[in-house]
Amino acid sequence: MSDAKNIFEQLSGDEVEVDTAGDAIEVWEHAQEIEKKSEDFYREKAGVVPDKTAKDLLNKIADEEHKHWALIESVMQFLHRPDRWLEDAEWNHLEEY
């Protein structure tokens, strides 16, 4: 547990400022990058710890970070849809909006 506490203390020192007044898609892309870095961080730590329980726990946390990344990917697809969608009776839409 003390090692886990140290990991989270290190992460809290890596604060990142995000301009939320900017483009929403840019903010989501930045969030997705953070999720990917977090997943990579936990996978890396899982690769170096000798304790199987700690390794399994770190991999589970990494799996959760990947789920967050995938969720953000879905949000970004939703945000991009208006740019890619043409509403016209003559056009056939292959995917449901």
N, C-alpha and C. Protein backbone atom coordinates (compact mmCIF):
# COMPACT_ATOMS: atom_id res chain seq x y z
N MET A 1 0.82 -1.20 0.00
CA MET A 1 0.00 0.00 0.00
C MET A 1 0.86 1.26 0.00
N SER A 2 1.99 1.22 0.67
CA SER A 2 2.83 2.41 0.70
C SER A 2 3.38 2.72 -0.69
N ASP A 3 3.67 1.68 -1.48
CA ASP A 3 4.12 1.91 -2.85
C ASP A 3 3.02 2.54 -3.70
N ALA A 4 1.79 2.07 -3.50
CA ALA A 4 0.66 2.63 -4.25
C ALA A 4 0.47 4.10 -3.89
N LYS A 5 0.62 4.40 -2.61
CA LYS A 5 0.49 5.79 -2.18
C LYS A 5 1.55 6.65 -2.86
N ASN A 6 2.77 6.16 -2.95
CA ASN A 6 3.84 6.91 -3.60
C ASN A 6 3.55 7.14 -5.08
N ILE A 7 2.99 6.15 -5.75
CA ILE A 7 2.65 6.30 -7.16
C ILE A 7 1.65 7.42 -7.35
N PHE A 8 0.60 7.44 -6.51
CA PHE A 8 -0.41 8.47 -6.65
C PHE A 8 0.11 9.85 -6.27
N GLU A 9 1.03 9.90 -5.33
CA GLU A 9 1.64 11.18 -4.99
C GLU A 9 2.45 11.72 -6.16
N GLN A 10 3.15 10.84 -6.87
CA GLN A 10 3.91 11.25 -8.04
C GLN A 10 2.98 11.77 -9.13
N LEU A 11 1.86 11.09 -9.33
CA LEU A 11 0.91 11.52 -10.35
C LEU A 11 0.30 12.87 -10.02
N SER A 12 0.02 13.11 -8.75
CA SER A 12 -0.61 14.37 -8.37
C SER A 12 0.33 15.55 -8.61
N GLY A 13 1.62 15.31 -8.65
CA GLY A 13 2.57 16.37 -8.92
C GLY A 13 2.66 16.74 -10.39
N ASP A 14 2.09 15.92 -11.25
CA ASP A 14 2.14 16.16 -12.69
C ASP A 14 0.88 16.86 -13.17
N GLU A 15 0.54 17.96 -12.54
CA GLU A 15 -0.67 18.67 -12.90
C GLU A 15 -0.52 19.30 -14.29
N VAL A 16 -1.60 19.26 -15.05
CA VAL A 16 -1.61 19.79 -16.40
C VAL A 16 -2.73 20.80 -16.50
N GLU A 17 -2.42 21.94 -17.07
CA GLU A 17 -3.45 22.94 -17.28
C GLU A 17 -4.06 22.75 -18.66
N VAL A 18 -5.38 22.79 -18.72
CA VAL A 18 -6.09 22.64 -19.98
C VAL A 18 -6.97 23.87 -20.17
N ASP A 19 -6.88 24.45 -21.36
CA ASP A 19 -7.71 25.59 -21.70
C ASP A 19 -9.09 25.09 -22.11
N THR A 20 -10.03 25.07 -21.17
CA THR A 20 -11.36 24.55 -21.47
C THR A 20 -12.19 25.53 -22.28
N ALA A 21 -11.70 26.74 -22.48
CA ALA A 21 -12.43 27.70 -23.30
C ALA A 21 -12.19 27.43 -24.79
N GLY A 22 -11.23 26.57 -25.10
CA GLY A 22 -10.90 26.27 -26.49
C GLY A 22 -11.90 25.30 -27.10
N ASP A 23 -11.48 24.72 -28.19
CA ASP A 23 -12.30 23.76 -28.92
C ASP A 23 -12.55 22.52 -28.05
N ALA A 24 -13.81 22.12 -27.96
CA ALA A 24 -14.19 20.98 -27.12
C ALA A 24 -13.49 19.70 -27.58
N ILE A 25 -13.34 19.54 -28.85
CA ILE A 25 -12.69 18.33 -29.38
C ILE A 25 -11.23 18.28 -28.93
N GLU A 26 -10.57 19.43 -28.93
CA GLU A 26 -9.17 19.46 -28.47
C GLU A 26 -9.08 19.06 -27.00
N VAL A 27 -10.04 19.51 -26.20
CA VAL A 27 -10.04 19.15 -24.78
C VAL A 27 -10.23 17.65 -24.62
N TRP A 28 -11.16 17.07 -25.38
CA TRP A 28 -11.38 15.63 -25.30
C TRP A 28 -10.16 14.85 -25.79
N GLU A 29 -9.51 15.34 -26.85
CA GLU A 29 -8.30 14.68 -27.35
C GLU A 29 -7.21 14.70 -26.28
N HIS A 30 -7.07 15.82 -25.59
CA HIS A 30 -6.08 15.92 -24.53
C HIS A 30 -6.42 14.94 -23.40
N ALA A 31 -7.68 14.85 -23.05
CA ALA A 31 -8.11 13.91 -22.02
C ALA A 31 -7.79 12.48 -22.43
N GLN A 32 -7.99 12.17 -23.69
CA GLN A 32 -7.70 10.83 -24.19
C GLN A 32 -6.20 10.53 -24.12
N GLU A 33 -5.38 11.53 -24.41
CA GLU A 33 -3.94 11.34 -24.29
C GLU A 33 -3.55 11.03 -22.84
N ILE A 34 -4.17 11.74 -21.91
CA ILE A 34 -3.88 11.51 -20.49
C ILE A 34 -4.28 10.09 -20.10
N GLU A 35 -5.44 9.63 -20.57
CA GLU A 35 -5.87 8.26 -20.27
C GLU A 35 -4.89 7.24 -20.83
N LYS A 36 -4.39 7.48 -22.04
CA LYS A 36 -3.43 6.55 -22.66
C LYS A 36 -2.13 6.54 -21.86
N LYS A 37 -1.66 7.72 -21.45
CA LYS A 37 -0.44 7.78 -20.64
C LYS A 37 -0.63 7.07 -19.31
N SER A 38 -1.81 7.23 -18.73
CA SER A 38 -2.09 6.55 -17.45
C SER A 38 -2.09 5.04 -17.63
N GLU A 39 -2.72 4.57 -18.69
CA GLU A 39 -2.74 3.13 -18.96
C GLU A 39 -1.32 2.61 -19.15
N ASP A 40 -0.53 3.32 -19.95
CA ASP A 40 0.86 2.91 -20.17
C ASP A 40 1.66 2.89 -18.87
N PHE A 41 1.43 3.90 -18.03
CA PHE A 41 2.11 4.00 -16.74
C PHE A 41 1.83 2.76 -15.88
N TYR A 42 0.54 2.40 -15.75
CA TYR A 42 0.18 1.25 -14.92
C TYR A 42 0.68 -0.06 -15.51
N ARG A 43 0.66 -0.18 -16.83
CA ARG A 43 1.18 -1.41 -17.47
C ARG A 43 2.70 -1.52 -17.22
N GLU A 44 3.38 -0.38 -17.31
CA GLU A 44 4.83 -0.38 -17.07
C GLU A 44 5.12 -0.79 -15.63
N LYS A 45 4.40 -0.22 -14.67
CA LYS A 45 4.62 -0.55 -13.27
C LYS A 45 4.28 -2.01 -13.00
N ALA A 46 3.24 -2.52 -13.67
CA ALA A 46 2.87 -3.93 -13.50
C ALA A 46 3.97 -4.85 -14.01
N GLY A 47 4.71 -4.38 -14.99
CA GLY A 47 5.80 -5.19 -15.54
C GLY A 47 7.03 -5.27 -14.65
N VAL A 48 7.15 -4.35 -13.70
CA VAL A 48 8.37 -4.34 -12.88
C VAL A 48 8.15 -4.80 -11.44
N VAL A 49 6.90 -4.85 -10.99
CA VAL A 49 6.68 -5.28 -9.60
C VAL A 49 6.75 -6.80 -9.51
N PRO A 50 7.42 -7.31 -8.49
CA PRO A 50 7.56 -8.77 -8.38
C PRO A 50 6.32 -9.45 -7.79
N ASP A 51 5.54 -8.73 -7.02
CA ASP A 51 4.38 -9.30 -6.33
C ASP A 51 3.23 -9.52 -7.31
N LYS A 52 2.72 -10.74 -7.40
CA LYS A 52 1.64 -11.06 -8.34
C LYS A 52 0.36 -10.29 -8.03
N THR A 53 0.04 -10.14 -6.75
CA THR A 53 -1.17 -9.40 -6.37
C THR A 53 -1.09 -7.95 -6.83
N ALA A 54 0.06 -7.34 -6.60
CA ALA A 54 0.25 -5.95 -7.03
C ALA A 54 0.21 -5.86 -8.55
N LYS A 55 0.82 -6.82 -9.23
CA LYS A 55 0.82 -6.85 -10.69
C LYS A 55 -0.61 -6.93 -11.22
N ASP A 56 -1.41 -7.83 -10.64
CA ASP A 56 -2.80 -7.98 -11.06
C ASP A 56 -3.60 -6.70 -10.82
N LEU A 57 -3.37 -6.08 -9.68
CA LEU A 57 -4.07 -4.84 -9.36
C LEU A 57 -3.71 -3.73 -10.33
N LEU A 58 -2.43 -3.58 -10.61
CA LEU A 58 -1.99 -2.55 -11.55
C LEU A 58 -2.55 -2.80 -12.96
N ASN A 59 -2.62 -4.06 -13.36
CA ASN A 59 -3.20 -4.38 -14.67
C ASN A 59 -4.71 -4.08 -14.69
N LYS A 60 -5.40 -4.30 -13.59
CA LYS A 60 -6.82 -3.97 -13.53
C LYS A 60 -7.03 -2.46 -13.63
N ILE A 61 -6.18 -1.70 -12.96
CA ILE A 61 -6.27 -0.24 -13.07
C ILE A 61 -6.00 0.18 -14.50
N ALA A 62 -5.00 -0.42 -15.14
CA ALA A 62 -4.69 -0.12 -16.54
C ALA A 62 -5.88 -0.45 -17.44
N ASP A 63 -6.56 -1.56 -17.16
CA ASP A 63 -7.75 -1.93 -17.94
C ASP A 63 -8.84 -0.87 -17.80
N GLU A 64 -9.00 -0.33 -16.59
CA GLU A 64 -9.99 0.73 -16.37
C GLU A 64 -9.61 1.99 -17.14
N GLU A 65 -8.32 2.32 -17.15
CA GLU A 65 -7.86 3.48 -17.91
C GLU A 65 -8.14 3.29 -19.40
N HIS A 66 -7.99 2.06 -19.89
CA HIS A 66 -8.31 1.78 -21.29
C HIS A 66 -9.80 1.97 -21.56
N LYS A 67 -10.63 1.58 -20.62
CA LYS A 67 -12.08 1.78 -20.77
C LYS A 67 -12.39 3.28 -20.85
N HIS A 68 -11.70 4.07 -20.04
CA HIS A 68 -11.89 5.53 -20.10
C HIS A 68 -11.49 6.06 -21.47
N TRP A 69 -10.35 5.55 -21.99
CA TRP A 69 -9.89 5.96 -23.32
C TRP A 69 -10.95 5.63 -24.37
N ALA A 70 -11.51 4.44 -24.30
CA ALA A 70 -12.53 4.01 -25.27
C ALA A 70 -13.80 4.86 -25.14
N LEU A 71 -14.18 5.20 -23.93
CA LEU A 71 -15.34 6.04 -23.72
C LEU A 71 -15.13 7.42 -24.35
N ILE A 72 -13.96 7.99 -24.15
CA ILE A 72 -13.65 9.28 -24.76
C ILE A 72 -13.64 9.17 -26.27
N GLU A 73 -13.17 8.05 -26.81
CA GLU A 73 -13.20 7.83 -28.26
C GLU A 73 -14.64 7.89 -28.77
N SER A 74 -15.57 7.30 -28.03
CA SER A 74 -16.98 7.35 -28.43
C SER A 74 -17.52 8.78 -28.38
N VAL A 75 -17.15 9.53 -27.37
CA VAL A 75 -17.57 10.93 -27.28
C VAL A 75 -17.03 11.72 -28.47
N MET A 76 -15.77 11.48 -28.82
CA MET A 76 -15.18 12.21 -29.94
C MET A 76 -15.85 11.84 -31.27
N GLN A 77 -16.23 10.58 -31.44
CA GLN A 77 -16.96 10.19 -32.65
C GLN A 77 -18.28 10.94 -32.72
N PHE A 78 -18.95 11.05 -31.59
CA PHE A 78 -20.21 11.78 -31.52
C PHE A 78 -20.00 13.26 -31.87
N LEU A 79 -18.94 13.84 -31.35
CA LEU A 79 -18.66 15.25 -31.63
C LEU A 79 -18.28 15.50 -33.08
N HIS A 80 -17.67 14.52 -33.72
CA HIS A 80 -17.27 14.67 -35.12
C HIS A 80 -18.41 14.40 -36.10
N ARG A 81 -19.47 13.76 -35.64
CA ARG A 81 -20.54 13.38 -36.56
C ARG A 81 -21.16 14.53 -37.35
N PRO A 82 -21.41 15.68 -36.74
CA PRO A 82 -21.98 16.78 -37.54
C PRO A 82 -21.10 17.18 -38.72
N ASP A 83 -19.79 17.01 -38.59
CA ASP A 83 -18.89 17.35 -39.68
C ASP A 83 -18.93 16.32 -40.79
N ARG A 84 -19.35 15.12 -40.47
CA ARG A 84 -19.32 14.02 -41.43
C ARG A 84 -20.70 13.58 -41.91
N TRP A 85 -21.74 14.24 -41.46
CA TRP A 85 -23.09 13.81 -41.74
C TRP A 85 -23.75 14.76 -42.72
N LEU A 86 -24.30 14.25 -43.78
CA LEU A 86 -24.99 15.07 -44.76
C LEU A 86 -26.45 14.66 -44.77
N GLU A 87 -27.31 15.58 -44.41
CA GLU A 87 -28.74 15.28 -44.33
C GLU A 87 -29.40 15.63 -45.66
N ASP A 88 -29.73 14.60 -46.41
CA ASP A 88 -30.37 14.78 -47.70
C ASP A 88 -31.09 13.48 -48.03
N ALA A 89 -32.31 13.59 -48.51
CA ALA A 89 -33.10 12.40 -48.81
C ALA A 89 -32.47 11.56 -49.92
N GLU A 90 -31.63 12.17 -50.75
CA GLU A 90 -31.00 11.44 -51.84
C GLU A 90 -29.79 10.62 -51.40
N TRP A 91 -29.31 10.88 -50.21
CA TRP A 91 -28.12 10.18 -49.74
C TRP A 91 -28.54 9.00 -48.87
N ASN A 92 -27.86 7.90 -49.01
CA ASN A 92 -28.12 6.71 -48.22
C ASN A 92 -27.11 6.66 -47.08
N HIS A 93 -27.60 6.66 -45.87
CA HIS A 93 -26.70 6.59 -44.70
C HIS A 93 -26.55 5.13 -44.29
N LEU A 94 -25.33 4.67 -44.28
CA LEU A 94 -25.07 3.28 -43.96
C LEU A 94 -25.09 3.02 -42.44
N GLU A 95 -24.75 4.03 -41.67
CA GLU A 95 -24.79 3.84 -40.21
C GLU A 95 -25.85 4.74 -39.61
N GLU A 96 -26.40 4.28 -38.53
CA GLU A 96 -27.44 5.02 -37.87
C GLU A 96 -26.84 6.17 -37.06
N TYR A 97 -27.43 7.34 -37.14
CA TYR A 97 -26.93 8.49 -36.39
C TYR A 97 -27.37 8.33 -34.98
